């Protein structure tokens, strides 16, 4: 190309560009700018509310402000359950730099502080697509602060609350427990979950991508703290009753046991214990057997403990007197194709003697002086066959068939406690009729002020006569001599029954119990004890359950400040009279 060739004479530039092309480009640019302007107008004006909402969804959060769960207190104000601050650890896995050697060391230390295997910890962080994962919840607050101090990007702490149960396994079945969300799962924690839980508050905030709060927006709603609940339980009585029950279950190699202690004047439950139990502070190995609140949920044929009710009904109706002679000879009685027996041929017994010797034949002959409806009316009035009216989950109603369906043999067996079923709690409550001048009173798990109005079932005279019979049954010649205690008069009835299995009874399996009142002249407490499947030594109620009754009565009355009413030691003969099965 010649040096003096001019730029304007280049063949490429010499060609004229069509006008439509330049106009097309200009129009295209104009349309693009118009679209941008329209989009800006839509975002800023027309669709402004939508985009604001979307922004809030991505960056604005409503933080729940947890309410502090109310305390559960015993009747004296001692704490049975309370909430303490807890640290819950969470992570954004994609933000945790696990390739950094320094971070690896800190992660190992975090796993150690949490008591978590390193492999398990690594597994939670393995999915880097996750933007949130719980690592471990409800750690001790001090441990949480140590983890926070390590300052690992992607590992964060949230403040929560966890429950503590100072009485541990002794009160576990009464108090119950909560889950990690602080919701009641068993016991009073479940029954009063709404009152204890309060109401969570809220706070509207803006967060960055890492979950850090940038600023608060809107009005903060403070949480409403949960209410405290005061139970009728006396924690000292509860612990002692549980301890004695546990020792007796172990001594007789039994399957389980329960004990109920009730204030004879107010119907307040002072103790309700079961064994086996569990530690509500550590439920990592909790099983169904440990969880069962046997005193309230398990029902069984109550056996001889029903005989005082049969006799009391007959006394009230005027069909017998306490000195009426009942001939039990020869210690057997055939009815409806069945033979009902006593352990011995007691011959002629007074009605007092029927209770003292625990005669099945005597009880059925007393029952024959009444109609099925008359017996059913009293049993029903005492709460049998009905769900207990207490604020407690899982209370069983037991079974009491309608009187119209009773056959003569059924009326006979019900007279001595077979053919119906009840819980230990129902048995204890029914005995309030003998401690309150013939009035059965409502039971409660909450502290009660004053004496509640009862439902009349027997007269005062009948109640006094039956209490005297219970005193005889626990004295020399009776079936419950080992229930006697030092310094206090007692009365009660032992019971032993074969365990039901299908439509029959399991061979060699029994339940032993004792239900009684103390002191006998001025009752203050009712105690019911049940031991399930004692397998070593005796299986009779007087021998197995009676000693637990004795020790619980003595300790409870002392704690209540009740003055002893006896100046002599209890009279116990070498061998108890065995109640018939």
Protein backbone atom coordinates (compact mmCIF):
# COMPACT_ATOMS: atom_id res chain seq x y z
CA UNK A 1 0.00 0.00 0.00
CA UNK A 2 1.31 3.43 -1.03
CA UNK A 3 2.48 5.70 1.78
CA UNK A 4 0.53 8.61 0.42
CA UNK A 5 -2.72 6.63 0.14
CA UNK A 6 -5.31 8.39 2.25
CA UNK A 7 -7.34 6.64 4.93
CA UNK A 8 -10.59 7.83 3.35
CA UNK A 9 -9.75 6.08 0.12
CA UNK A 10 -9.70 2.58 1.85
CA UNK A 11 -11.89 0.15 -0.12
CA UNK A 12 -13.58 -1.01 3.12
CA UNK A 13 -14.59 2.49 4.11
CA UNK A 14 -15.51 3.51 0.69
CA UNK A 15 -18.53 1.15 0.85
CA UNK A 16 -21.63 2.96 2.10
CA UNK A 17 -23.48 1.44 5.14
CA UNK A 18 -27.24 0.96 4.59
CA UNK A 19 -29.39 3.37 6.57
CA UNK A 20 -31.78 0.67 7.79
CA UNK A 21 -28.96 -1.05 9.71
CA UNK A 22 -28.06 2.00 11.73
CA UNK A 23 -31.70 2.73 12.35
CA UNK A 24 -32.26 -0.86 13.51
CA UNK A 25 -29.42 -0.57 16.00
CA UNK A 26 -30.70 2.74 17.32
CA UNK A 27 -34.23 1.40 17.68
CA UNK A 28 -32.89 -1.72 19.45
CA UNK A 29 -30.97 0.40 21.92
CA UNK A 30 -34.00 2.61 22.49
CA UNK A 31 -36.19 -0.45 23.15
CA UNK A 32 -33.62 -1.88 25.58
CA UNK A 33 -33.49 1.37 27.55
CA UNK A 34 -37.29 1.57 27.48
CA UNK A 35 -37.45 -2.00 28.89
CA UNK A 36 -35.01 -1.13 31.63
CA UNK A 37 -36.97 1.98 32.51
CA UNK A 38 -40.22 -0.07 32.55
CA UNK A 39 -38.65 -2.77 34.72
CA UNK A 40 -37.31 -0.15 37.12
CA UNK A 41 -40.75 1.43 37.30
CA UNK A 42 -42.36 -1.96 37.96
CA UNK A 43 -39.88 -2.84 40.70
CA UNK A 44 -39.93 0.56 42.34
CA UNK A 45 -43.60 1.45 41.95
CA UNK A 46 -46.01 -1.20 40.65
CA UNK A 47 -44.53 -4.36 42.24
CA UNK A 48 -42.85 -2.65 45.16
CA UNK A 49 -44.79 -4.61 47.86
CA UNK A 50 -43.96 -7.97 46.31
CA UNK A 51 -40.24 -7.29 46.16
CA UNK A 52 -40.20 -5.93 49.69
CA UNK A 53 -41.81 -9.16 50.88
CA UNK A 54 -39.27 -11.22 48.97
CA UNK A 55 -36.47 -9.26 50.54
CA UNK A 56 -37.89 -9.87 53.97
CA UNK A 57 -38.19 -13.58 53.26
CA UNK A 58 -34.49 -13.70 52.48
CA UNK A 59 -33.14 -11.42 55.17
CA UNK A 60 -35.86 -10.65 57.74
CA UNK A 61 -36.59 -13.26 60.40
CA UNK A 62 -38.96 -13.59 63.33
CA UNK A 63 -36.94 -14.85 66.27
CA UNK A 64 -38.89 -16.76 68.91
CA UNK A 65 -38.15 -15.58 72.43
CA UNK A 66 -38.65 -18.73 74.54
CA UNK A 67 -40.63 -18.42 77.76
CA UNK A 68 -39.07 -19.74 80.92
CA UNK A 69 -41.08 -22.83 81.89
CA UNK A 70 -42.71 -22.68 85.31
CA UNK A 71 -41.39 -24.65 88.25
CA UNK A 72 -43.00 -27.71 89.81
CA UNK A 73 -42.90 -27.49 93.61
CA UNK A 74 -43.74 -29.90 96.39
CA UNK A 75 -46.22 -28.98 99.13
CA UNK A 76 -43.45 -27.31 101.16
CA UNK A 77 -42.11 -25.22 98.27
CA UNK A 78 -39.14 -27.46 97.48
CA UNK A 79 -38.29 -27.66 93.78
CA UNK A 80 -39.21 -30.85 91.91
CA UNK A 81 -38.59 -29.42 88.42
CA UNK A 82 -37.10 -26.17 87.16
CA UNK A 83 -35.60 -24.71 83.98
CA UNK A 84 -31.99 -23.58 83.55
CA UNK A 85 -30.28 -21.94 80.54
CA UNK A 86 -28.93 -24.43 78.02
CA UNK A 87 -26.76 -24.09 74.93
CA UNK A 88 -27.84 -25.67 71.65
CA UNK A 89 -25.17 -25.87 68.94
CA UNK A 90 -26.06 -25.52 65.24
CA UNK A 91 -24.04 -25.12 62.05
CA UNK A 92 -24.00 -23.99 58.42
CA UNK A 93 -21.94 -26.90 57.02
CA UNK A 94 -20.97 -25.13 53.79
CA UNK A 95 -19.31 -22.35 55.80
CA UNK A 96 -17.16 -24.68 57.94
CA UNK A 97 -13.67 -24.89 56.42
CA UNK A 98 -12.78 -28.46 57.33
CA UNK A 99 -9.63 -28.43 55.20
CA UNK A 100 -7.93 -25.82 57.37
CA UNK A 101 -5.64 -27.65 59.89
CA UNK A 102 -6.35 -25.04 62.57
CA UNK A 103 -10.12 -25.48 62.10
CA UNK A 104 -9.75 -29.28 62.23
CA UNK A 105 -8.17 -29.01 65.66
CA UNK A 106 -10.97 -26.78 66.91
CA UNK A 107 -13.63 -29.12 65.53
CA UNK A 108 -12.06 -32.04 67.38
CA UNK A 109 -12.13 -29.98 70.58
CA UNK A 110 -15.81 -29.07 70.01
CA UNK A 111 -16.71 -32.74 69.57
CA UNK A 112 -14.89 -33.57 72.80
CA UNK A 113 -16.67 -30.79 74.71
CA UNK A 114 -20.04 -32.08 73.50
CA UNK A 115 -19.19 -35.67 74.40
CA UNK A 116 -19.90 -36.65 70.79
CA UNK A 117 -17.83 -39.15 68.76
CA UNK A 118 -15.79 -37.30 66.14
CA UNK A 119 -17.20 -39.51 63.37
CA UNK A 120 -20.75 -38.56 64.34
CA UNK A 121 -19.82 -34.89 64.47
CA UNK A 122 -18.16 -35.09 61.03
CA UNK A 123 -21.24 -36.82 59.61
CA UNK A 124 -23.41 -33.85 60.58
CA UNK A 125 -21.07 -31.51 58.72
CA UNK A 126 -20.61 -33.79 55.70
CA UNK A 127 -23.41 -32.37 53.55
CA UNK A 128 -22.11 -28.98 52.41
CA UNK A 129 -25.41 -28.21 50.67
CA UNK A 130 -27.08 -27.81 54.02
CA UNK A 131 -27.55 -24.28 55.26
CA UNK A 132 -28.66 -25.37 58.74
CA UNK A 133 -28.17 -28.44 60.93
CA UNK A 134 -28.51 -29.06 64.65
CA UNK A 135 -25.31 -30.47 66.10
CA UNK A 136 -26.40 -31.05 69.71
CA UNK A 137 -29.10 -29.49 71.85
CA UNK A 138 -29.43 -28.62 75.53
CA UNK A 139 -25.78 -28.75 76.53
CA UNK A 140 -24.71 -27.19 79.81
CA UNK A 141 -24.46 -23.44 79.42
CA UNK A 142 -20.78 -23.38 80.47
CA UNK A 143 -19.89 -25.92 77.78
CA UNK A 144 -21.73 -23.84 75.21
CA UNK A 145 -19.71 -20.78 76.16
CA UNK A 146 -16.47 -22.73 75.70
CA UNK A 147 -17.57 -23.81 72.23
CA UNK A 148 -18.55 -20.25 71.34
CA UNK A 149 -15.15 -19.00 72.50
CA UNK A 150 -13.42 -21.23 69.92
CA UNK A 151 -14.96 -18.91 67.28
CA UNK A 152 -15.27 -21.38 64.40
CA UNK A 153 -16.95 -19.87 61.35
CA UNK A 154 -20.15 -21.82 60.60
CA UNK A 155 -20.62 -23.11 64.18
CA UNK A 156 -23.15 -21.15 66.25
CA UNK A 157 -24.88 -21.21 69.64
CA UNK A 158 -28.54 -20.70 70.50
CA UNK A 159 -29.79 -20.11 74.03
CA UNK A 160 -32.59 -22.45 75.14
CA UNK A 161 -33.82 -23.90 78.42
CA UNK A 162 -33.66 -27.42 79.78
CA UNK A 163 -35.35 -29.02 82.77
CA UNK A 164 -33.65 -30.23 85.90
CA UNK A 165 -35.21 -32.69 88.33
CA UNK A 166 -33.51 -32.58 91.76
CA UNK A 167 -35.41 -35.59 93.17
CA UNK A 168 -34.33 -37.81 90.29
CA UNK A 169 -35.87 -41.27 90.01
CA UNK A 170 -37.79 -41.14 93.30
CA UNK A 171 -40.32 -38.60 91.93
CA UNK A 172 -39.98 -39.35 88.22
CA UNK A 173 -43.43 -40.89 87.76
CA UNK A 174 -45.11 -37.94 89.46
CA UNK A 175 -43.22 -35.08 87.83
CA UNK A 176 -42.61 -36.63 84.41
CA UNK A 177 -40.32 -34.91 81.89
CA UNK A 178 -40.18 -32.69 78.79
CA UNK A 179 -38.64 -33.19 75.37
CA UNK A 180 -35.96 -31.02 73.75
CA UNK A 181 -38.68 -28.62 72.61
CA UNK A 182 -39.61 -28.10 76.28
CA UNK A 183 -42.99 -29.77 75.83
CA UNK A 184 -44.33 -32.03 78.60
CA UNK A 185 -44.26 -35.74 77.77
CA UNK A 186 -45.24 -37.51 81.00
CA UNK A 187 -46.59 -36.88 84.49
CA UNK A 188 -47.42 -33.40 85.72
CA UNK A 189 -45.20 -31.91 83.01
CA UNK A 190 -47.74 -33.24 80.51
CA UNK A 191 -50.89 -32.68 82.60
CA UNK A 192 -50.08 -28.97 83.12
CA UNK A 193 -48.05 -28.37 79.97
CA UNK A 194 -50.05 -25.27 78.96
CA UNK A 195 -49.80 -23.60 82.36
CA UNK A 196 -46.14 -24.47 82.87
CA UNK A 197 -45.09 -23.62 79.32
CA UNK A 198 -46.31 -20.02 79.24
CA UNK A 199 -46.28 -18.29 75.87
CA UNK A 200 -43.24 -17.58 73.72
CA UNK A 201 -42.54 -14.01 72.63
CA UNK A 202 -41.17 -12.82 69.29
CA UNK A 203 -38.73 -10.32 67.83
CA UNK A 204 -38.53 -9.23 64.19
CA UNK A 205 -34.95 -8.81 62.96
CA UNK A 206 -32.85 -8.55 59.80
CA UNK A 207 -30.05 -11.10 59.49
CA UNK A 208 -27.11 -11.43 57.16
CA UNK A 209 -26.19 -14.62 55.34
CA UNK A 210 -24.37 -15.98 58.38
CA UNK A 211 -27.37 -15.57 60.60
CA UNK A 212 -25.98 -12.57 62.44
CA UNK A 213 -28.50 -9.95 63.51
CA UNK A 214 -27.95 -6.68 61.70
CA UNK A 215 -30.82 -4.71 63.16
CA UNK A 216 -34.19 -5.16 64.80
CA UNK A 217 -37.38 -4.08 63.09
CA UNK A 218 -40.95 -3.89 64.32
CA UNK A 219 -42.28 -4.29 67.85
CA UNK A 220 -40.85 -6.90 70.22
CA UNK A 221 -43.43 -9.12 71.97
CA UNK A 222 -42.01 -10.24 75.32
CA UNK A 223 -42.56 -13.88 76.40
CA UNK A 224 -45.11 -14.73 79.09
CA UNK A 225 -43.36 -16.84 81.70
CA UNK A 226 -44.93 -20.17 82.70
CA UNK A 227 -46.82 -20.56 85.97
CA UNK A 228 -45.44 -22.46 88.94
CA UNK A 229 -47.43 -25.57 89.94
CA UNK A 230 -47.48 -26.67 93.58
CA UNK A 231 -48.18 -30.36 94.14
CA UNK A 232 -49.57 -32.13 97.17
CA UNK A 233 -46.45 -34.34 97.18
CA UNK A 234 -44.10 -34.15 100.15
CA UNK A 235 -40.65 -34.75 98.67
CA UNK A 236 -39.32 -36.27 101.91
CA UNK A 237 -42.19 -38.75 102.16
CA UNK A 238 -41.84 -39.46 98.44
CA UNK A 239 -38.14 -40.27 98.72
CA UNK A 240 -38.56 -42.47 101.79
CA UNK A 241 -41.50 -44.39 100.27
CA UNK A 242 -39.57 -44.97 97.04
CA UNK A 243 -36.48 -46.12 98.91
CA UNK A 244 -38.36 -48.66 101.05
CA UNK A 245 -40.31 -49.96 98.07
CA UNK A 246 -37.12 -50.38 96.02
CA UNK A 247 -35.43 -52.31 98.82
CA UNK A 248 -38.42 -54.63 99.28
CA UNK A 249 -38.71 -55.36 95.56
CA UNK A 250 -35.03 -56.30 95.57
CA UNK A 251 -35.31 -58.38 98.77
CA UNK A 252 -38.11 -60.56 97.37
CA UNK A 253 -36.74 -60.51 93.81
CA UNK A 254 -40.03 -59.09 92.60
CA UNK A 255 -40.82 -57.72 89.16
CA UNK A 256 -42.06 -54.31 90.31
CA UNK A 257 -43.88 -52.43 93.05
CA UNK A 258 -45.90 -49.32 93.86
CA UNK A 259 -46.85 -47.29 96.91
CA UNK A 260 -49.42 -44.53 97.42
CA UNK A 261 -49.55 -42.29 100.50
CA UNK A 262 -52.68 -40.16 100.88
CA UNK A 263 -53.75 -37.59 103.47
CA UNK A 264 -56.80 -39.14 105.13
CA UNK A 265 -58.42 -35.74 105.77
CA UNK A 266 -57.85 -33.88 102.51
CA UNK A 267 -57.35 -36.59 99.88
CA UNK A 268 -53.98 -35.07 98.95
CA UNK A 269 -51.44 -37.52 97.56
CA UNK A 270 -48.34 -37.17 99.72
CA UNK A 271 -46.34 -39.78 97.78
CA UNK A 272 -46.79 -41.90 94.69
CA UNK A 273 -43.80 -44.08 93.89
CA UNK A 274 -43.06 -46.94 91.52
CA UNK A 275 -40.14 -49.28 91.03
CA UNK A 276 -38.50 -49.73 88.57
CA UNK A 277 -38.14 -46.04 87.87
CA UNK A 278 -35.84 -43.85 85.77
CA UNK A 279 -33.75 -40.70 86.06
CA UNK A 280 -35.61 -37.88 84.24
CA UNK A 281 -32.30 -35.98 84.00
CA UNK A 282 -30.81 -38.74 81.83
CA UNK A 283 -33.26 -40.72 79.71
CA UNK A 284 -30.78 -42.18 77.25
CA UNK A 285 -31.65 -45.76 78.25
CA UNK A 286 -35.30 -45.30 79.09
CA UNK A 287 -37.51 -48.39 78.61
CA UNK A 288 -41.26 -48.92 78.69
CA UNK A 289 -41.05 -50.88 81.94
CA UNK A 290 -39.33 -47.96 83.67
CA UNK A 291 -41.79 -45.46 82.26
CA UNK A 292 -44.97 -47.18 83.47
CA UNK A 293 -46.71 -45.40 86.33
CA UNK A 294 -48.04 -48.65 87.74
CA UNK A 295 -49.85 -47.12 90.72
CA UNK A 296 -52.25 -45.30 88.38
CA UNK A 297 -52.18 -47.10 85.03
CA UNK A 298 -52.03 -50.78 86.04
CA UNK A 299 -55.22 -52.50 87.18
CA UNK A 300 -55.58 -55.87 88.87
CA UNK A 301 -58.02 -57.88 90.95
CA UNK A 302 -57.72 -56.32 94.42
CA UNK A 303 -58.42 -59.50 96.37
CA UNK A 304 -58.94 -59.42 100.12
CA UNK A 305 -58.64 -55.64 100.43
CA UNK A 306 -62.27 -55.55 99.17
CA UNK A 307 -63.64 -57.59 102.09
CA UNK A 308 -63.97 -54.54 104.40
CA UNK A 309 -66.11 -52.86 101.71
CA UNK A 310 -68.35 -55.94 101.47
CA UNK A 311 -68.77 -56.08 105.24
CA UNK A 312 -69.24 -52.31 105.50
CA UNK A 313 -72.08 -52.47 102.96
CA UNK A 314 -73.82 -55.23 104.90
CA UNK A 315 -73.41 -53.31 108.17
CA UNK A 316 -74.83 -50.16 106.61
CA UNK A 317 -77.86 -52.04 105.27
CA UNK A 318 -78.47 -53.67 108.65
CA UNK A 319 -78.07 -57.21 107.27
CA UNK A 320 -75.38 -58.06 109.82
CA UNK A 321 -73.80 -56.69 112.98
CA UNK A 322 -70.17 -56.86 113.94
CA UNK A 323 -70.90 -59.80 116.27
CA UNK A 324 -73.19 -61.70 113.89
CA UNK A 325 -72.04 -65.32 113.61
CA UNK A 326 -71.04 -66.54 110.15
CA UNK A 327 -70.47 -70.29 109.84
CA UNK A 328 -67.54 -70.95 107.48
CA UNK A 329 -67.43 -74.72 108.12
CA UNK A 330 -65.81 -76.72 106.53
CA UNK A 331 -63.69 -73.97 104.96
CA UNK A 332 -65.11 -74.57 101.48
CA UNK A 333 -68.22 -73.48 99.62
CA UNK A 334 -69.51 -74.73 96.27
CA UNK A 335 -71.38 -72.30 94.04
CA UNK A 336 -72.06 -72.14 90.31
CA UNK A 337 -69.80 -75.12 89.59
CA UNK A 338 -66.87 -73.59 91.50
CA UNK A 339 -65.50 -74.28 94.96
CA UNK A 340 -64.38 -71.30 97.04
CA UNK A 341 -61.95 -72.10 99.84
CA UNK A 342 -60.20 -70.69 102.88
CA UNK A 343 -56.67 -71.59 103.92
CA UNK A 344 -58.09 -73.16 107.10
CA UNK A 345 -61.46 -74.28 108.43
CA UNK A 346 -62.22 -71.36 110.73
CA UNK A 347 -65.62 -72.72 111.75
CA UNK A 348 -68.00 -70.17 113.23
CA UNK A 349 -66.69 -66.59 112.99
CA UNK A 350 -68.15 -63.26 113.96
CA UNK A 351 -68.23 -60.62 111.23
CA UNK A 352 -65.21 -59.10 113.00
CA UNK A 353 -63.52 -62.48 112.69
CA UNK A 354 -64.28 -62.73 108.96
CA UNK A 355 -62.11 -59.65 108.40
CA UNK A 356 -59.50 -60.62 110.96
CA UNK A 357 -58.99 -64.09 109.47
CA UNK A 358 -59.66 -62.90 105.91
CA UNK A 359 -62.20 -65.66 105.24
CA UNK A 360 -63.38 -65.98 101.64
CA UNK A 361 -66.27 -68.20 102.69
CA UNK A 362 -67.30 -65.72 105.38
CA UNK A 363 -67.18 -62.79 102.92
CA UNK A 364 -69.34 -64.54 100.31
CA UNK A 365 -71.91 -65.54 102.95
CA UNK A 366 -72.12 -61.91 104.05
CA UNK A 367 -72.54 -60.89 100.40
CA UNK A 368 -75.42 -63.35 99.99
CA UNK A 369 -77.41 -61.24 102.44
CA UNK A 370 -77.42 -58.38 99.89
CA UNK A 371 -78.53 -57.91 96.31
CA UNK A 372 -76.08 -57.44 93.45
CA UNK A 373 -77.41 -53.92 92.93
CA UNK A 374 -76.79 -52.96 96.57
CA UNK A 375 -73.18 -54.11 96.35
CA UNK A 376 -72.66 -52.45 92.97
CA UNK A 377 -74.02 -49.12 94.23
CA UNK A 378 -71.42 -48.95 97.01
CA UNK A 379 -68.52 -50.07 94.83
CA UNK A 380 -69.48 -47.47 92.23
CA UNK A 381 -69.83 -44.74 94.86
CA UNK A 382 -66.29 -45.53 96.01
CA UNK A 383 -64.95 -44.97 92.48
CA UNK A 384 -64.49 -48.52 91.22
CA UNK A 385 -65.06 -48.91 87.50
CA UNK A 386 -64.62 -45.16 86.97
CA UNK A 387 -61.66 -43.09 85.84
CA UNK A 388 -60.17 -41.20 88.82
CA UNK A 389 -60.99 -37.49 88.66
CA UNK A 390 -57.43 -36.26 89.07
CA UNK A 391 -55.28 -34.02 86.90
CA UNK A 392 -52.95 -36.80 85.82
CA UNK A 393 -52.53 -38.49 82.43
CA UNK A 394 -53.17 -42.18 81.90
CA UNK A 395 -55.26 -42.89 85.01
CA UNK A 396 -57.07 -46.20 84.47
CA UNK A 397 -60.74 -46.76 85.27
CA UNK A 398 -60.53 -50.45 86.07
CA UNK A 399 -63.47 -52.77 85.53
CA UNK A 400 -66.75 -53.20 87.41
CA UNK A 401 -69.40 -54.96 85.37
CA UNK A 402 -73.04 -53.77 85.55
CA UNK A 403 -74.86 -55.48 88.40
CA UNK A 404 -77.57 -56.85 86.11
CA UNK A 405 -75.00 -59.16 84.51
CA UNK A 406 -73.76 -60.61 87.82
CA UNK A 407 -74.35 -64.30 88.36
CA UNK A 408 -74.41 -65.70 91.93
CA UNK A 409 -70.82 -66.92 91.57
CA UNK A 410 -69.70 -63.47 90.39
CA UNK A 411 -71.36 -61.78 93.33
CA UNK A 412 -69.58 -64.26 95.58
CA UNK A 413 -66.13 -63.67 94.05
CA UNK A 414 -66.56 -59.87 94.01
CA UNK A 415 -67.20 -60.03 97.77
CA UNK A 416 -63.55 -61.01 98.29
CA UNK A 417 -62.00 -59.01 95.45
CA UNK A 418 -62.11 -61.20 92.33
CA UNK A 419 -64.14 -60.47 89.20
CA UNK A 420 -63.37 -56.74 89.23
CA UNK A 421 -60.20 -54.76 88.69
CA UNK A 422 -58.78 -51.55 90.12
CA UNK A 423 -55.55 -49.60 90.38
CA UNK A 424 -53.61 -49.18 93.60
CA UNK A 425 -54.57 -45.50 93.51
CA UNK A 426 -58.28 -46.37 93.41
CA UNK A 427 -57.88 -48.73 96.34
CA UNK A 428 -56.17 -46.05 98.44
CA UNK A 429 -58.82 -43.48 97.62
CA UNK A 430 -61.71 -45.85 98.43
CA UNK A 431 -60.37 -46.31 101.98
CA UNK A 432 -61.00 -42.61 102.66
CA UNK A 433 -64.59 -43.72 103.35
CA UNK A 434 -63.34 -45.37 106.57
CA UNK A 435 -61.15 -42.43 107.61
CA UNK A 436 -63.79 -39.71 107.08
CA UNK A 437 -66.79 -40.95 109.04
CA UNK A 438 -68.26 -42.76 106.03
CA UNK A 439 -67.63 -40.05 103.41
CA UNK A 440 -65.42 -40.80 100.41
CA UNK A 441 -63.41 -37.71 99.45
CA UNK A 442 -61.92 -36.65 96.10
CA UNK A 443 -58.21 -37.25 95.66
CA UNK A 444 -55.82 -34.65 94.28
CA UNK A 445 -52.21 -34.33 93.16
CA UNK A 446 -52.25 -30.57 93.83
CA UNK A 447 -51.85 -28.90 97.19
CA UNK A 448 -55.26 -28.34 98.72
CA UNK A 449 -56.25 -25.94 101.49
CA UNK A 450 -58.90 -27.23 103.83
CA UNK A 451 -60.94 -30.38 103.98
CA UNK A 452 -63.07 -31.05 100.89
CA UNK A 453 -66.70 -32.06 101.00
CA UNK A 454 -67.09 -35.81 100.72
CA UNK A 455 -69.80 -38.05 99.31
CA UNK A 456 -71.72 -39.97 101.99
CA UNK A 457 -71.52 -43.73 101.53
CA UNK A 458 -71.53 -45.15 105.06
CA UNK A 459 -72.60 -43.79 108.44
CA UNK A 460 -70.03 -42.71 111.01
CA UNK A 461 -70.85 -45.79 113.10
CA UNK A 462 -70.23 -48.15 110.17
CA UNK A 463 -66.90 -46.48 109.40
CA UNK A 464 -65.83 -46.86 113.06
CA UNK A 465 -66.84 -50.53 113.14
CA UNK A 466 -64.87 -51.31 109.98
CA UNK A 467 -61.81 -49.43 111.29
CA UNK A 468 -61.96 -51.66 114.39
CA UNK A 469 -62.03 -54.72 112.12
CA UNK A 470 -59.01 -53.40 110.21
CA UNK A 471 -57.22 -52.96 113.53
CA UNK A 472 -57.97 -56.60 114.38
CA UNK A 473 -56.73 -57.74 110.98
CA UNK A 474 -53.36 -56.06 111.62
CA UNK A 475 -53.12 -57.37 115.19
CA UNK A 476 -52.37 -60.75 116.78
CA UNK A 477 -54.21 -63.48 114.90
CA UNK A 478 -54.66 -61.28 111.83
CA UNK A 479 -53.12 -61.43 108.36
CA UNK A 480 -51.30 -58.08 108.56
CA UNK A 481 -49.26 -58.25 111.74
CA UNK A 482 -46.02 -57.20 110.02
CA UNK A 483 -47.69 -53.91 109.08
CA UNK A 484 -47.67 -52.78 112.71
CA UNK A 485 -45.40 -49.90 113.60
CA UNK A 486 -43.76 -48.55 116.73
CA UNK A 487 -45.71 -45.79 118.47
CA UNK A 488 -48.73 -45.65 116.18
CA UNK A 489 -51.86 -47.77 116.00
CA UNK A 490 -52.71 -49.01 112.53
CA UNK A 491 -55.43 -50.94 110.78
CA UNK A 492 -55.41 -52.44 107.36
CA UNK A 493 -56.06 -55.35 105.10
CA UNK A 494 -53.56 -57.50 103.28
CA UNK A 495 -54.26 -59.07 99.94
CA UNK A 496 -52.75 -61.73 97.73
CA UNK A 497 -54.05 -62.64 94.29
CA UNK A 498 -52.96 -64.77 91.40
CA UNK A 499 -51.98 -62.79 88.32
CA UNK A 500 -54.32 -63.01 85.39
CA UNK A 501 -52.98 -64.42 82.14
CA UNK A 502 -55.40 -64.51 79.24
CA UNK A 503 -58.67 -65.92 80.54
CA UNK A 504 -57.02 -67.74 83.41
CA UNK A 505 -54.29 -67.26 85.99
CA UNK A 506 -50.54 -67.60 85.61
CA UNK A 507 -49.02 -70.44 87.60
CA UNK A 508 -46.77 -69.27 90.44
CA UNK A 509 -47.28 -65.55 89.79
CA UNK A 510 -48.89 -63.35 92.44
CA UNK A 511 -49.46 -59.77 93.47
CA UNK A 512 -49.12 -58.91 97.14
CA UNK A 513 -50.46 -55.74 98.72
CA UNK A 514 -51.52 -54.05 101.91
CA UNK A 515 -53.88 -51.10 102.29
CA UNK A 516 -54.42 -49.44 105.64
CA UNK A 517 -55.01 -46.43 107.85
CA UNK A 518 -53.05 -44.80 110.70
CA UNK A 519 -53.54 -43.87 113.48
CA UNK A 520 -56.64 -46.03 113.70
CA UNK A 521 -58.74 -43.87 116.08
CA UNK A 522 -57.91 -40.52 114.47
CA UNK A 523 -56.78 -41.37 110.90
CA UNK A 524 -54.24 -39.06 109.31
CA UNK A 525 -52.89 -41.09 106.39
CA UNK A 526 -53.85 -43.94 104.11
CA UNK A 527 -51.05 -46.06 102.64
CA UNK A 528 -51.41 -48.66 99.89
CA UNK A 529 -48.51 -50.91 98.87
CA UNK A 530 -48.32 -53.41 96.01
CA UNK A 531 -45.47 -55.77 95.11
CA UNK A 532 -45.72 -57.54 91.77
CA UNK A 533 -44.47 -61.12 91.38
CA UNK A 534 -42.38 -61.67 94.51
CA UNK A 535 -40.31 -64.75 93.68
CA UNK A 536 -38.14 -65.32 96.75
CA UNK A 537 -39.54 -66.29 100.13
CA UNK A 538 -43.20 -65.50 100.77
CA UNK A 539 -45.66 -64.04 98.29
CA UNK A 540 -48.38 -63.12 100.81
CA UNK A 541 -49.43 -59.50 101.15
CA UNK A 542 -48.98 -59.32 104.91
CA UNK A 543 -45.40 -60.57 104.69
CA UNK A 544 -44.25 -58.82 101.51
CA UNK A 545 -46.17 -55.52 101.45
CA UNK A 546 -46.90 -55.18 105.17
CA UNK A 547 -43.35 -54.18 106.24
CA UNK A 548 -43.23 -51.42 103.61
CA UNK A 549 -46.54 -50.10 104.94
CA UNK A 550 -45.12 -50.16 108.48
CA UNK A 551 -41.99 -48.16 107.71
CA UNK A 552 -43.73 -45.65 105.44
CA UNK A 553 -46.46 -45.01 108.04
CA UNK A 554 -43.97 -44.45 110.84
CA UNK A 555 -41.77 -42.06 108.87
CA UNK A 556 -44.68 -40.14 107.35
CA UNK A 557 -46.49 -39.55 110.64
CA UNK A 558 -43.26 -38.33 112.22
CA UNK A 559 -42.68 -35.90 109.36
CA UNK A 560 -46.25 -34.67 109.78
CA UNK A 561 -45.67 -34.07 113.46
CA UNK A 562 -48.36 -36.55 114.57
CA UNK A 563 -47.95 -37.56 118.21
CA UNK A 564 -47.64 -41.31 118.85
CA UNK A 565 -50.82 -42.84 120.24
CA UNK A 566 -49.26 -46.06 121.54
CA UNK A 567 -46.77 -46.50 124.34
CA UNK A 568 -46.06 -50.17 123.73
CA UNK A 569 -44.35 -52.08 120.99
CA UNK A 570 -46.45 -53.82 118.36
CA UNK A 571 -47.46 -57.38 119.15
CA UNK A 572 -46.34 -59.71 116.40
CA UNK A 573 -46.62 -63.47 116.64
CA UNK A 574 -44.22 -65.83 114.95
CA UNK A 575 -46.36 -66.54 111.92
CA UNK A 576 -48.93 -64.42 110.14
CA UNK A 577 -52.28 -65.86 109.27
CA UNK A 578 -52.22 -66.48 105.53
CA UNK A 579 -55.03 -64.94 103.54
CA UNK A 580 -56.68 -67.28 101.04
CA UNK A 581 -56.13 -66.80 97.32
